[in-house]
PDB file of N, CA and C in Angstrom:
ATOM      1  N   UNK A   1     -29.659-160.485 -45.559  1.00  0.00           N
ATOM      2  CA  UNK A   1     -30.811-159.551 -46.621  1.00  0.00           C
ATOM      3  C   UNK A   1     -30.939-158.509 -46.511  1.00  0.00           C
ATOM      4  N   UNK A   2     -31.218-157.684 -47.580  1.00  0.00           N
ATOM      5  CA  UNK A   2     -31.069-156.552 -48.203  1.00  0.00           C
ATOM      6  C   UNK A   2     -32.642-155.903 -48.039  1.00  0.00           C
ATOM      7  N   UNK A   3     -33.092-154.772 -47.259  1.00  0.00           N
ATOM      8  CA  UNK A   3     -34.394-154.478 -47.492  1.00  0.00           C
ATOM      9  C   UNK A   3     -34.676-153.681 -49.020  1.00  0.00           C
ATOM     10  N   UNK A   4     -35.623-154.083 -49.549  1.00  0.00           N
ATOM     11  CA  UNK A   4     -36.158-153.025 -50.729  1.00  0.00           C
ATOM     12  C   UNK A   4     -36.906-151.542 -49.960  1.00  0.00           C
ATOM     13  N   UNK A   5     -36.431-150.655 -49.336  1.00  0.00           N
ATOM     14  CA  UNK A   5     -36.953-149.535 -48.987  1.00  0.00           C
ATOM     15  C   UNK A   5     -36.698-148.224 -49.343  1.00  0.00           C
ATOM     16  N   UNK A   6     -36.021-148.327 -50.861  1.00  0.00           N
ATOM     17  CA  UNK A   6     -36.020-147.219 -51.641  1.00  0.00           C
ATOM     18  C   UNK A   6     -36.621-146.980 -52.438  1.00  0.00           C
ATOM     19  N   UNK A   7     -37.363-146.322 -53.419  1.00  0.00           N
ATOM     20  CA  UNK A   7     -38.351-146.200 -54.504  1.00  0.00           C
ATOM     21  C   UNK A   7     -37.177-145.625 -56.081  1.00  0.00           C
ATOM     22  N   UNK A   8     -37.567-146.346 -56.822  1.00  0.00           N
ATOM     23  CA  UNK A   8     -36.823-145.759 -57.794  1.00  0.00           C
ATOM     24  C   UNK A   8     -36.712-144.356 -58.057  1.00  0.00           C
ATOM     25  N   UNK A   9     -35.978-143.216 -58.503  1.00  0.00           N
ATOM     26  CA  UNK A   9     -35.933-141.849 -58.468  1.00  0.00           C
ATOM     27  C   UNK A   9     -35.566-141.621 -59.915  1.00  0.00           C
ATOM     28  N   UNK A  10     -36.659-140.662 -60.902  1.00  0.00           N
ATOM     29  CA  UNK A  10     -36.085-140.699 -61.963  1.00  0.00           C
ATOM     30  C   UNK A  10     -34.682-139.267 -62.187  1.00  0.00           C
ATOM     31  N   UNK A  11     -34.467-138.972 -63.203  1.00  0.00           N
ATOM     32  CA  UNK A  11     -33.668-137.893 -63.236  1.00  0.00           C
ATOM     33  C   UNK A  11     -34.132-136.621 -62.518  1.00  0.00           C
ATOM     34  N   UNK A  12     -35.372-137.095 -64.316  1.00  0.00           N
ATOM     35  CA  UNK A  12     -36.649-135.735 -63.712  1.00  0.00           C
ATOM     36  C   UNK A  12     -37.890-136.641 -63.707  1.00  0.00           C
ATOM     37  N   UNK A  13     -38.667-135.606 -63.272  1.00  0.00           N
ATOM     38  CA  UNK A  13     -40.047-136.021 -62.822  1.00  0.00           C
ATOM     39  C   UNK A  13     -40.787-135.914 -64.317  1.00  0.00           C
ATOM     40  N   UNK A  14     -40.444-134.752 -65.143  1.00  0.00           N
ATOM     41  CA  UNK A  14     -41.151-134.573 -65.906  1.00  0.00           C
ATOM     42  C   UNK A  14     -40.203-134.084 -67.437  1.00  0.00           C
ATOM     43  N   UNK A  15     -40.089-134.812 -68.451  1.00  0.00           N
ATOM     44  CA  UNK A  15     -39.286-134.970 -69.770  1.00  0.00           C
ATOM     45  C   UNK A  15     -40.196-133.971 -70.716  1.00  0.00           C
ATOM     46  N   UNK A  16     -39.215-133.031 -71.481  1.00  0.00           N
ATOM     47  CA  UNK A  16     -40.207-132.732 -72.610  1.00  0.00           C
ATOM     48  C   UNK A  16     -38.693-132.661 -73.582  1.00  0.00           C
ATOM     49  N   UNK A  17     -39.782-133.204 -74.311  1.00  0.00           N
ATOM     50  CA  UNK A  17     -38.881-133.121 -76.393  1.00  0.00           C
ATOM     51  C   UNK A  17     -38.993-133.211 -77.438  1.00  0.00           C
ATOM     52  N   UNK A  18     -38.320-132.775 -78.238  1.00  0.00           N
ATOM     53  CA  UNK A  18     -38.896-132.212 -79.897  1.00  0.00           C
ATOM     54  C   UNK A  18     -38.418-132.975 -80.542  1.00  0.00           C
ATOM     55  N   UNK A  19     -39.437-133.742 -81.304  1.00  0.00           N
ATOM     56  CA  UNK A  19     -38.515-134.069 -82.660  1.00  0.00           C
ATOM     57  C   UNK A  19     -39.861-133.643 -83.991  1.00  0.00           C
ATOM     58  N   UNK A  20     -38.743-133.512 -84.984  1.00  0.00           N
ATOM     59  CA  UNK A  20     -39.497-133.169 -86.321  1.00  0.00           C
ATOM     60  C   UNK A  20     -40.214-133.944 -86.886  1.00  0.00           C
ATOM     61  N   UNK A  21     -41.106-133.347 -87.527  1.00  0.00           N
ATOM     62  CA  UNK A  21     -42.077-134.383 -88.235  1.00  0.00           C
ATOM     63  C   UNK A  21     -41.012-135.148 -89.369  1.00  0.00           C
ATOM     64  N   UNK A  22     -41.856-136.075 -89.822  1.00  0.00           N
ATOM     65  CA  UNK A  22     -41.024-136.821 -90.984  1.00  0.00           C
ATOM     66  C   UNK A  22     -39.641-137.125 -90.672  1.00  0.00           C
ATOM     67  N   UNK A  23     -40.022-137.875 -89.431  1.00  0.00           N
ATOM     68  CA  UNK A  23     -38.779-138.678 -88.971  1.00  0.00           C
ATOM     69  C   UNK A  23     -38.633-140.057 -89.634  1.00  0.00           C
ATOM     70  N   UNK A  24     -37.467-140.926 -89.588  1.00  0.00           N
ATOM     71  CA  UNK A  24     -37.268-141.569 -89.612  1.00  0.00           C
ATOM     72  C   UNK A  24     -38.339-142.907 -88.566  1.00  0.00           C
ATOM     73  N   UNK A  25     -38.342-144.144 -88.982  1.00  0.00           N
ATOM     74  CA  UNK A  25     -39.032-144.865 -87.903  1.00  0.00           C
ATOM     75  C   UNK A  25     -37.544-145.396 -86.890  1.00  0.00           C
ATOM     76  N   UNK A  26     -37.583-146.112 -85.803  1.00  0.00           N
ATOM     77  CA  UNK A  26     -36.824-146.003 -84.924  1.00  0.00           C
ATOM     78  C   UNK A  26     -35.886-144.545 -84.518  1.00  0.00           C
ATOM     79  N   UNK A  27     -36.038-143.504 -84.718  1.00  0.00           N
ATOM     80  CA  UNK A  27     -35.170-142.281 -84.029  1.00  0.00           C
ATOM     81  C   UNK A  27     -35.593-141.884 -82.784  1.00  0.00           C
ATOM     82  N   UNK A  28     -34.276-142.103 -82.016  1.00  0.00           N
ATOM     83  CA  UNK A  28     -33.963-142.002 -80.950  1.00  0.00           C
ATOM     84  C   UNK A  28     -34.846-140.902 -80.643  1.00  0.00           C
ATOM     85  N   UNK A  29     -35.900-140.980 -79.457  1.00  0.00           N
ATOM     86  CA  UNK A  29     -36.716-139.692 -79.201  1.00  0.00           C
ATOM     87  C   UNK A  29     -35.748-138.957 -77.635  1.00  0.00           C
ATOM     88  N   UNK A  30     -35.666-139.921 -76.540  1.00  0.00           N
ATOM     89  CA  UNK A  30     -34.437-139.720 -75.599  1.00  0.00           C
ATOM     90  C   UNK A  30     -34.112-141.048 -74.634  1.00  0.00           C
ATOM     91  N   UNK A  31     -33.348-141.019 -73.706  1.00  0.00           N
ATOM     92  CA  UNK A  31     -33.463-141.807 -73.037  1.00  0.00           C
ATOM     93  C   UNK A  31     -33.831-141.196 -71.391  1.00  0.00           C
ATOM     94  N   UNK A  32     -34.417-141.816 -70.643  1.00  0.00           N
ATOM     95  CA  UNK A  32     -34.526-141.356 -69.410  1.00  0.00           C
ATOM     96  C   UNK A  32     -34.173-142.668 -68.601  1.00  0.00           C
ATOM     97  N   UNK A  33     -33.679-141.966 -67.284  1.00  0.00           N
ATOM     98  CA  UNK A  33     -32.904-142.844 -66.102  1.00  0.00           C
ATOM     99  C   UNK A  33     -33.445-142.749 -64.742  1.00  0.00           C
ATOM    100  N   UNK A  34     -33.318-143.618 -64.222  1.00  0.00           N
ATOM    101  CA  UNK A  34     -33.601-143.764 -63.013  1.00  0.00           C
ATOM    102  C   UNK A  34     -32.920-144.132 -61.610  1.00  0.00           C
ATOM    103  N   UNK A  35     -32.743-144.098 -60.762  1.00  0.00           N
ATOM    104  CA  UNK A  35     -31.647-144.745 -59.759  1.00  0.00           C
ATOM    105  C   UNK A  35     -32.192-145.301 -58.659  1.00  0.00           C
ATOM    106  N   UNK A  36     -31.848-146.423 -57.871  1.00  0.00           N
ATOM    107  CA  UNK A  36     -32.632-146.956 -56.902  1.00  0.00           C
ATOM    108  C   UNK A  36     -31.236-147.082 -56.231  1.00  0.00           C
ATOM    109  N   UNK A  37     -31.438-146.870 -54.942  1.00  0.00           N
ATOM    110  CA  UNK A  37     -30.092-146.914 -53.836  1.00  0.00           C
ATOM    111  C   UNK A  37     -30.369-148.372 -52.960  1.00  0.00           C
ATOM    112  N   UNK A  38     -31.098-149.159 -53.516  1.00  0.00           N
ATOM    113  CA  UNK A  38     -30.935-150.325 -52.621  1.00  0.00           C
ATOM    114  C   UNK A  38     -30.223-151.469 -53.098  1.00  0.00           C
ATOM    115  N   UNK A  39     -29.598-152.472 -53.077  1.00  0.00           N
ATOM    116  CA  UNK A  39     -28.460-153.255 -53.066  1.00  0.00           C
ATOM    117  C   UNK A  39     -28.997-154.157 -53.839  1.00  0.00           C
ATOM    118  N   UNK A  40     -28.430-155.046 -55.025  1.00  0.00           N
ATOM    119  CA  UNK A  40     -28.292-156.323 -55.911  1.00  0.00           C
ATOM    120  C   UNK A  40     -29.691-155.953 -56.770  1.00  0.00           C
ATOM    121  N   UNK A  41     -30.708-156.867 -56.732  1.00  0.00           N
ATOM    122  CA  UNK A  41     -31.661-156.693 -57.059  1.00  0.00           C
ATOM    123  C   UNK A  41     -32.976-155.843 -56.641  1.00  0.00           C
ATOM    124  N   UNK A  42     -32.679-155.550 -55.666  1.00  0.00           N
ATOM    125  CA  UNK A  42     -33.867-154.234 -54.956  1.00  0.00           C
ATOM    126  C   UNK A  42     -33.402-153.209 -55.720  1.00  0.00           C
ATOM    127  N   UNK A  43     -32.080-153.300 -55.794  1.00  0.00           N
ATOM    128  CA  UNK A  43     -31.984-151.798 -56.744  1.00  0.00           C
ATOM    129  C   UNK A  43     -31.746-151.933 -58.309  1.00  0.00           C
ATOM    130  N   UNK A  44     -31.886-153.143 -58.764  1.00  0.00           N
ATOM    131  CA  UNK A  44     -32.426-153.208 -60.329  1.00  0.00           C
ATOM    132  C   UNK A  44     -33.365-152.382 -60.886  1.00  0.00           C
ATOM    133  N   UNK A  45     -32.957-151.816 -61.637  1.00  0.00           N
ATOM    134  CA  UNK A  45     -34.652-151.225 -62.446  1.00  0.00           C
ATOM    135  C   UNK A  45     -34.603-151.467 -63.730  1.00  0.00           C
ATOM    136  N   UNK A  46     -35.762-151.421 -63.948  1.00  0.00           N
ATOM    137  CA  UNK A  46     -36.249-151.717 -65.551  1.00  0.00           C
ATOM    138  C   UNK A  46     -37.360-150.274 -66.195  1.00  0.00           C
ATOM    139  N   UNK A  47     -37.615-150.543 -66.968  1.00  0.00           N
ATOM    140  CA  UNK A  47     -38.368-149.342 -67.719  1.00  0.00           C
ATOM    141  C   UNK A  47     -39.804-150.036 -68.611  1.00  0.00           C
ATOM    142  N   UNK A  48     -40.645-149.426 -68.108  1.00  0.00           N
ATOM    143  CA  UNK A  48     -41.880-149.888 -68.974  1.00  0.00           C
ATOM    144  C   UNK A  48     -42.804-148.823 -69.403  1.00  0.00           C
ATOM    145  N   UNK A  49     -43.405-148.871 -70.754  1.00  0.00           N
ATOM    146  CA  UNK A  49     -44.640-147.401 -70.867  1.00  0.00           C
ATOM    147  C   UNK A  49     -45.790-147.902 -70.246  1.00  0.00           C
ATOM    148  N   UNK A  50     -46.620-146.571 -69.909  1.00  0.00           N
ATOM    149  CA  UNK A  50     -48.007-146.899 -69.016  1.00  0.00           C
ATOM    150  C   UNK A  50     -48.955-146.423 -69.546  1.00  0.00           C
ATOM    151  N   UNK A  51     -48.968-146.044 -70.918  1.00  0.00           N
ATOM    152  CA  UNK A  51     -49.909-145.757 -71.441  1.00  0.00           C
ATOM    153  C   UNK A  51     -50.525-145.912 -73.031  1.00  0.00           C
ATOM    154  N   UNK A  52     -51.519-145.431 -73.559  1.00  0.00           N
ATOM    155  CA  UNK A  52     -51.680-145.968 -74.624  1.00  0.00           C
ATOM    156  C   UNK A  52     -51.052-145.824 -76.338  1.00  0.00           C
ATOM    157  N   UNK A  53     -49.959-144.581 -75.814  1.00  0.00           N
ATOM    158  CA  UNK A  53     -49.103-144.272 -76.770  1.00  0.00           C
ATOM    159  C   UNK A  53     -48.243-145.154 -77.701  1.00  0.00           C
ATOM    160  N   UNK A  54     -48.115-146.397 -76.595  1.00  0.00           N
ATOM    161  CA  UNK A  54     -47.157-147.786 -77.429  1.00  0.00           C
ATOM    162  C   UNK A  54     -47.236-148.001 -78.651  1.00  0.00           C
ATOM    163  N   UNK A  55     -48.292-147.622 -79.582  1.00  0.00           N
ATOM    164  CA  UNK A  55     -48.166-147.546 -81.307  1.00  0.00           C
ATOM    165  C   UNK A  55     -47.444-146.236 -81.602  1.00  0.00           C
ATOM    166  N   UNK A  56     -46.966-145.337 -80.809  1.00  0.00           N
ATOM    167  CA  UNK A  56     -46.102-144.319 -81.240  1.00  0.00           C
ATOM    168  C   UNK A  56     -44.475-144.573 -80.963  1.00  0.00           C
ATOM    169  N   UNK A  57     -44.616-144.977 -79.811  1.00  0.00           N
ATOM    170  CA  UNK A  57     -42.918-145.067 -79.217  1.00  0.00           C
ATOM    171  C   UNK A  57     -42.744-146.172 -78.585  1.00  0.00           C
ATOM    172  N   UNK A  58     -41.561-146.741 -78.494  1.00  0.00           N
ATOM    173  CA  UNK A  58     -41.191-148.286 -77.900  1.00  0.00           C
ATOM    174  C   UNK A  58     -40.139-147.926 -76.962  1.00  0.00           C
ATOM    175  N   UNK A  59     -39.842-148.848 -75.431  1.00  0.00           N
ATOM    176  CA  UNK A  59     -38.760-148.538 -75.272  1.00  0.00           C
ATOM    177  C   UNK A  59     -38.052-149.507 -74.815  1.00  0.00           C
ATOM    178  N   UNK A  60     -36.433-149.260 -74.691  1.00  0.00           N
ATOM    179  CA  UNK A  60     -35.566-150.294 -74.217  1.00  0.00           C
ATOM    180  C   UNK A  60     -35.886-150.757 -72.532  1.00  0.00           C
ATOM    181  N   UNK A  61     -36.058-152.137 -72.048  1.00  0.00           N
ATOM    182  CA  UNK A  61     -36.589-151.572 -71.042  1.00  0.00           C
ATOM    183  C   UNK A  61     -35.564-151.607 -69.928  1.00  0.00           C
ATOM    184  N   UNK A  62     -34.323-152.216 -70.451  1.00  0.00           N
ATOM    185  CA  UNK A  62     -33.204-152.724 -69.616  1.00  0.00           C
ATOM    186  C   UNK A  62     -32.563-151.030 -69.886  1.00  0.00           C
ATOM    187  N   UNK A  63     -32.595-150.291 -70.652  1.00  0.00           N
ATOM    188  CA  UNK A  63     -31.333-149.059 -70.623  1.00  0.00           C
ATOM    189  C   UNK A  63     -32.407-147.600 -70.714  1.00  0.00           C
ATOM    190  N   UNK A  64     -33.605-147.864 -70.885  1.00  0.00           N
ATOM    191  CA  UNK A  64     -34.466-146.752 -70.809  1.00  0.00           C
ATOM    192  C   UNK A  64     -34.844-145.969 -72.350  1.00  0.00           C
ATOM    193  N   UNK A  65     -33.898-146.198 -73.690  1.00  0.00           N
ATOM    194  CA  UNK A  65     -33.802-145.541 -74.832  1.00  0.00           C
ATOM    195  C   UNK A  65     -35.332-145.981 -74.985  1.00  0.00           C
ATOM    196  N   UNK A  66     -35.450-144.596 -75.498  1.00  0.00           N
ATOM    197  CA  UNK A  66     -37.177-144.601 -75.949  1.00  0.00           C
ATOM    198  C   UNK A  66     -36.963-144.474 -77.588  1.00  0.00           C
ATOM    199  N   UNK A  67     -37.840-144.946 -78.760  1.00  0.00           N
ATOM    200  CA  UNK A  67     -37.325-144.476 -79.812  1.00  0.00           C
ATOM    201  C   UNK A  67     -39.070-144.823 -80.896  1.00  0.00           C
ATOM    202  N   UNK A  68     -38.943-144.143 -81.600  1.00  0.00           N
ATOM    203  CA  UNK A  68     -39.862-143.925 -82.999  1.00  0.00           C
ATOM    204  C   UNK A  68     -40.469-144.913 -83.504  1.00  0.00           C
ATOM    205  N   UNK A  69     -41.802-145.192 -82.994  1.00  0.00           N
ATOM    206  CA  UNK A  69     -42.073-146.765 -84.193  1.00  0.00           C
ATOM    207  C   UNK A  69     -43.200-146.028 -85.419  1.00  0.00           C
ATOM    208  N   UNK A  70     -43.087-144.282 -85.194  1.00  0.00           N
ATOM    209  CA  UNK A  70     -44.107-144.155 -86.739  1.00  0.00           C
ATOM    210  C   UNK A  70     -43.502-142.895 -87.244  1.00  0.00           C
ATOM    211  N   UNK A  71     -43.966-142.415 -87.967  1.00  0.00           N
ATOM    212  CA  UNK A  71     -43.017-141.247 -88.555  1.00  0.00           C
ATOM    213  C   UNK A  71     -44.397-140.254 -88.623  1.00  0.00           C
ATOM    214  N   UNK A  72     -43.885-139.033 -87.464  1.00  0.00           N
ATOM    215  CA  UNK A  72     -45.271-138.179 -86.829  1.00  0.00           C
ATOM    216  C   UNK A  72     -45.356-137.227 -88.124  1.00  0.00           C
ATOM    217  N   UNK A  73     -46.673-136.682 -88.248  1.00  0.00           N
ATOM    218  CA  UNK A  73     -47.104-135.783 -89.206  1.00  0.00           C
ATOM    219  C   UNK A  73     -47.585-134.529 -87.862  1.00  0.00           C
ATOM    220  N   UNK A  74     -47.079-133.434 -88.007  1.00  0.00           N
ATOM    221  CA  UNK A  74     -47.606-131.743 -87.379  1.00  0.00           C
ATOM    222  C   UNK A  74     -48.698-131.734 -87.908  1.00  0.00           C
ATOM    223  N   UNK A  75     -49.464-131.866 -89.131  1.00  0.00           N
ATOM    224  CA  UNK A  75     -50.875-131.634 -89.605  1.00  0.00           C
ATOM    225  C   UNK A  75     -51.275-132.446 -89.236  1.00  0.00           C
ATOM    226  N   UNK A  76     -51.326-133.781 -88.425  1.00  0.00           N
ATOM    227  CA  UNK A  76     -52.171-134.743 -88.257  1.00  0.00           C
ATOM    228  C   UNK A  76     -52.148-134.789 -86.716  1.00  0.00           C
ATOM    229  N   UNK A  77     -51.123-134.359 -86.148  1.00  0.00           N
ATOM    230  CA  UNK A  77     -50.951-135.021 -84.326  1.00  0.00           C
ATOM    231  C   UNK A  77     -49.713-133.395 -84.409  1.00  0.00           C
ATOM    232  N   UNK A  78     -49.652-132.649 -83.401  1.00  0.00           N
ATOM    233  CA  UNK A  78     -48.830-131.593 -82.968  1.00  0.00           C
ATOM    234  C   UNK A  78     -48.289-132.017 -81.557  1.00  0.00           C
ATOM    235  N   UNK A  79     -48.898-132.748 -80.651  1.00  0.00           N
ATOM    236  CA  UNK A  79     -48.136-133.083 -79.545  1.00  0.00           C
ATOM    237  C   UNK A  79     -48.641-134.471 -78.638  1.00  0.00           C
ATOM    238  N   UNK A  80     -48.129-135.288 -78.000  1.00  0.00           N
ATOM    239  CA  UNK A  80     -48.558-135.570 -77.057  1.00  0.00           C
ATOM    240  C   UNK A  80     -47.431-136.040 -75.697  1.00  0.00           C
ATOM    241  N   UNK A  81     -48.532-137.078 -74.474  1.00  0.00           N
ATOM    242  CA  UNK A  81     -47.877-137.066 -73.554  1.00  0.00           C
ATOM    243  C   UNK A  81     -47.993-138.636 -73.296  1.00  0.00           C
ATOM    244  N   UNK A  82     -46.954-139.098 -72.585  1.00  0.00           N
ATOM    245  CA  UNK A  82     -47.298-140.212 -72.097  1.00  0.00           C
ATOM    246  C   UNK A  82     -46.480-140.767 -70.936  1.00  0.00           C
ATOM    247  N   UNK A  83     -46.266-142.331 -69.738  1.00  0.00           N
ATOM    248  CA  UNK A  83     -46.107-141.829 -68.805  1.00  0.00           C
ATOM    249  C   UNK A  83     -45.023-143.102 -68.808  1.00  0.00           C
ATOM    250  N   UNK A  84     -43.948-143.172 -68.438  1.00  0.00           N
ATOM    251  CA  UNK A  84     -42.771-144.213 -68.153  1.00  0.00           C
ATOM    252  C   UNK A  84     -42.568-144.362 -66.794  1.00  0.00           C
ATOM    253  N   UNK A  85     -42.254-146.215 -66.286  1.00  0.00           N
ATOM    254  CA  UNK A  85     -42.827-146.201 -64.796  1.00  0.00           C
ATOM    255  C   UNK A  85     -40.952-146.874 -64.831  1.00  0.00           C
ATOM    256  N   UNK A  86     -40.276-146.700 -63.736  1.00  0.00           N
ATOM    257  CA  UNK A  86     -39.128-147.143 -63.512  1.00  0.00           C
ATOM    258  C   UNK A  86     -39.251-148.567 -62.166  1.00  0.00           C
ATOM    259  N   UNK A  87     -39.095-149.280 -62.662  1.00  0.00           N
ATOM    260  CA  UNK A  87     -39.218-150.592 -61.845  1.00  0.00           C
ATOM    261  C   UNK A  87     -38.479-151.414 -60.929  1.00  0.00           C
ATOM    262  N   UNK A  88     -37.996-151.628 -60.112  1.00  0.00           N
ATOM    263  CA  UNK A  88     -37.262-152.482 -59.067  1.00  0.00           C
ATOM    264  C   UNK A  88     -37.631-154.050 -59.024  1.00  0.00           C
ATOM    265  N   UNK A  89     -36.496-154.845 -58.656  1.00  0.00           N
ATOM    266  CA  UNK A  89     -37.313-155.951 -58.626  1.00  0.00           C
ATOM    267  C   UNK A  89     -36.531-157.161 -57.672  1.00  0.00           C
ATOM    268  N   UNK A  90     -36.985-157.088 -56.247  1.00  0.00           N
ATOM    269  CA  UNK A  90     -36.631-157.904 -55.065  1.00  0.00           C
ATOM    270  C   UNK A  90     -37.348-159.032 -55.115  1.00  0.00           C
ATOM    271  N   UNK A  91     -36.675-159.834 -54.836  1.00  0.00           N
ATOM    272  CA  UNK A  91     -36.820-161.505 -54.503  1.00  0.00           C
ATOM    273  C   UNK A  91     -38.417-161.649 -54.239  1.00  0.00           C
ATOM    274  N   UNK A  92     -38.311-161.276 -52.930  1.00  0.00           N
ATOM    275  CA  UNK A  92     -39.724-161.544 -51.993  1.00  0.00           C
ATOM    276  C   UNK A  92     -40.987-160.626 -51.823  1.00  0.00           C
ATOM    277  N   UNK A  93     -39.944-159.362 -51.886  1.00  0.00           N
ATOM    278  CA  UNK A  93     -41.178-158.108 -51.696  1.00  0.00           C
ATOM    279  C   UNK A  93     -42.055-157.991 -53.150  1.00  0.00           C
ATOM    280  N   UNK A  94     -42.909-156.943 -52.987  1.00  0.00           N
ATOM    281  CA  UNK A  94     -43.462-156.142 -53.626  1.00  0.00           C
ATOM    282  C   UNK A  94     -42.505-155.317 -54.545  1.00  0.00           C
ATOM    283  N   UNK A  95     -42.345-155.340 -56.324  1.00  0.00           N
ATOM    284  CA  UNK A  95     -41.348-154.374 -56.423  1.00  0.00           C
ATOM    285  C   UNK A  95     -42.310-153.036 -56.058  1.00  0.00           C
ATOM    286  N   UNK A  96     -40.910-151.567 -56.305  1.00  0.00           N
ATOM    287  CA  UNK A  96     -41.545-150.271 -56.033  1.00  0.00           C
ATOM    288  C   UNK A  96     -41.394-149.754 -57.310  1.00  0.00           C
ATOM    289  N   UNK A  97     -42.112-148.672 -57.563  1.00  0.00           N
ATOM    290  CA  UNK A  97     -42.413-148.259 -58.974  1.00  0.00           C
ATOM    291  C   UNK A  97     -42.693-146.448 -58.972  1.00  0.00           C
ATOM    292  N   UNK A  98     -41.705-146.071 -59.967  1.00  0.00           N
ATOM    293  CA  UNK A  98     -42.306-144.461 -60.070  1.00  0.00           C
ATOM    294  C   UNK A  98     -42.183-144.093 -61.064  1.00  0.00           C
ATOM    295  N   UNK A  99     -43.068-143.471 -61.196  1.00  0.00           N
ATOM    296  CA  UNK A  99     -43.555-142.890 -63.013  1.00  0.00           C
ATOM    297  C   UNK A  99     -42.960-141.509 -63.403  1.00  0.00           C
ATOM    298  N   UNK A 100     -42.711-141.476 -64.714  1.00  0.00           N
ATOM    299  CA  UNK A 100     -42.270-139.887 -65.026  1.00  0.00           C
ATOM    300  C   UNK A 100     -43.325-140.008 -66.405  1.00  0.00           C
ATOM    301  N   UNK A 101     -43.319-138.320 -66.634  1.00  0.00           N
ATOM    302  CA  UNK A 101     -43.589-138.250 -67.629  1.00  0.00           C
ATOM    303  C   UNK A 101     -43.148-137.082 -69.014  1.00  0.00           C
ATOM    304  N   UNK A 102     -43.405-137.927 -70.243  1.00  0.00           N
ATOM    305  CA  UNK A 102     -42.469-137.832 -71.155  1.00  0.00           C
ATOM    306  C   UNK A 102     -43.644-136.415 -72.224  1.00  0.00           C
ATOM    307  N   UNK A 103     -43.290-135.531 -72.318  1.00  0.00           N
ATOM    308  CA  UNK A 103     -43.945-134.732 -73.550  1.00  0.00           C
ATOM    309  C   UNK A 103     -43.301-134.199 -74.464  1.00  0.00           C
ATOM    310  N   UNK A 104     -44.330-134.934 -75.712  1.00  0.00           N
ATOM    311  CA  UNK A 104     -43.223-134.867 -76.793  1.00  0.00           C
ATOM    312  C   UNK A 104     -43.833-133.725 -77.840  1.00  0.00           C
ATOM    313  N   UNK A 105     -42.833-132.859 -78.505  1.00  0.00           N
ATOM    314  CA  UNK A 105     -43.858-131.330 -79.497  1.00  0.00           C
ATOM    315  C   UNK A 105     -43.252-131.996 -80.448  1.00  0.00           C
ATOM    316  N   UNK A 106     -44.185-132.204 -81.230  1.00  0.00           N
ATOM    317  CA  UNK A 106     -43.539-132.041 -83.046  1.00  0.00           C
ATOM    318  C   UNK A 106     -43.349-131.044 -83.549  1.00  0.00           C
ATOM    319  N   UNK A 107     -42.484-130.767 -84.006  1.00  0.00           N
ATOM    320  CA  UNK A 107     -42.409-129.541 -84.706  1.00  0.00           C
ATOM    321  C   UNK A 107     -42.469-129.775 -86.229  1.00  0.00           C
ATOM    322  N   UNK A 108     -42.828-128.553 -86.986  1.00  0.00           N
ATOM    323  CA  UNK A 108     -43.366-128.726 -88.127  1.00  0.00           C
ATOM    324  C   UNK A 108     -42.587-128.209 -89.210  1.00  0.00           C
ATOM    325  N   UNK A 109     -42.486-129.105 -90.688  1.00  0.00           N
ATOM    326  CA  UNK A 109     -41.454-128.789 -91.491  1.00  0.00           C
ATOM    327  C   UNK A 109     -42.770-128.399 -92.781  1.00  0.00           C
ATOM    328  N   UNK A 110     -41.826-127.534 -93.402  1.00  0.00           N
ATOM    329  CA  UNK A 110     -42.168-126.480 -94.771  1.00  0.00           C
ATOM    330  C   UNK A 110     -42.263-128.138 -95.407  1.00  0.00           C
ATOM    331  N   UNK A 111     -43.493-128.659 -95.358  1.00  0.00           N
ATOM    332  CA  UNK A 111     -43.487-129.865 -96.379  1.00  0.00           C
ATOM    333  C   UNK A 111     -45.223-130.023 -97.520  1.00  0.00           C
ATOM    334  N   UNK A 112     -45.907-128.919 -97.312  1.00  0.00           N
ATOM    335  CA  UNK A 112     -47.256-129.011 -97.896  1.00  0.00           C
ATOM    336  C   UNK A 112     -47.092-127.652 -98.818  1.00  0.00           C
ATOM    337  N   UNK A 113     -47.430-127.954-100.062  1.00  0.00           N
ATOM    338  CA  UNK A 113     -47.231-127.003-101.419  1.00  0.00           C
ATOM    339  C   UNK A 113     -48.793-125.682-100.513  1.00  0.00           C
ATOM    340  N   UNK A 114     -48.511-124.326-101.124  1.00  0.00           N
ATOM    341  CA  UNK A 114     -49.769-123.122-100.712  1.00  0.00           C
ATOM    342  C   UNK A 114     -50.285-124.018-101.770  1.00  0.00           C
ATOM    343  N   UNK A 115     -51.867-123.089-101.046  1.00  0.00           N
ATOM    344  CA  UNK A 115     -53.125-123.399-101.599  1.00  0.00           C
ATOM    345  C   UNK A 115     -53.124-122.278-102.457  1.00  0.00           C
TER     346      UNK A 115
END
């Protein structure tokens, strides 16, 4: 039997991403990725969002692909930050988890009439 003695490790501890406002729903924001050098289920990783911004983005638990759930409006919100957790899946031990931070910057478009 193999030990679960390695934590998942993200490619980056902090991800920065820009997105234009007025985006389409389900626009791909980014894909996070983590590795775990343990074998079998001890090294199998899934991803989850760990912040209240789940109403803005969604994550594919298997691939780490993060997509938008809303259309962003720069005049309403200029940026936000959320955490993503990578977790391994040992059969008998507690899962090991690692968290990365994602900073999203919303880019303004010239979409308002002059006043």
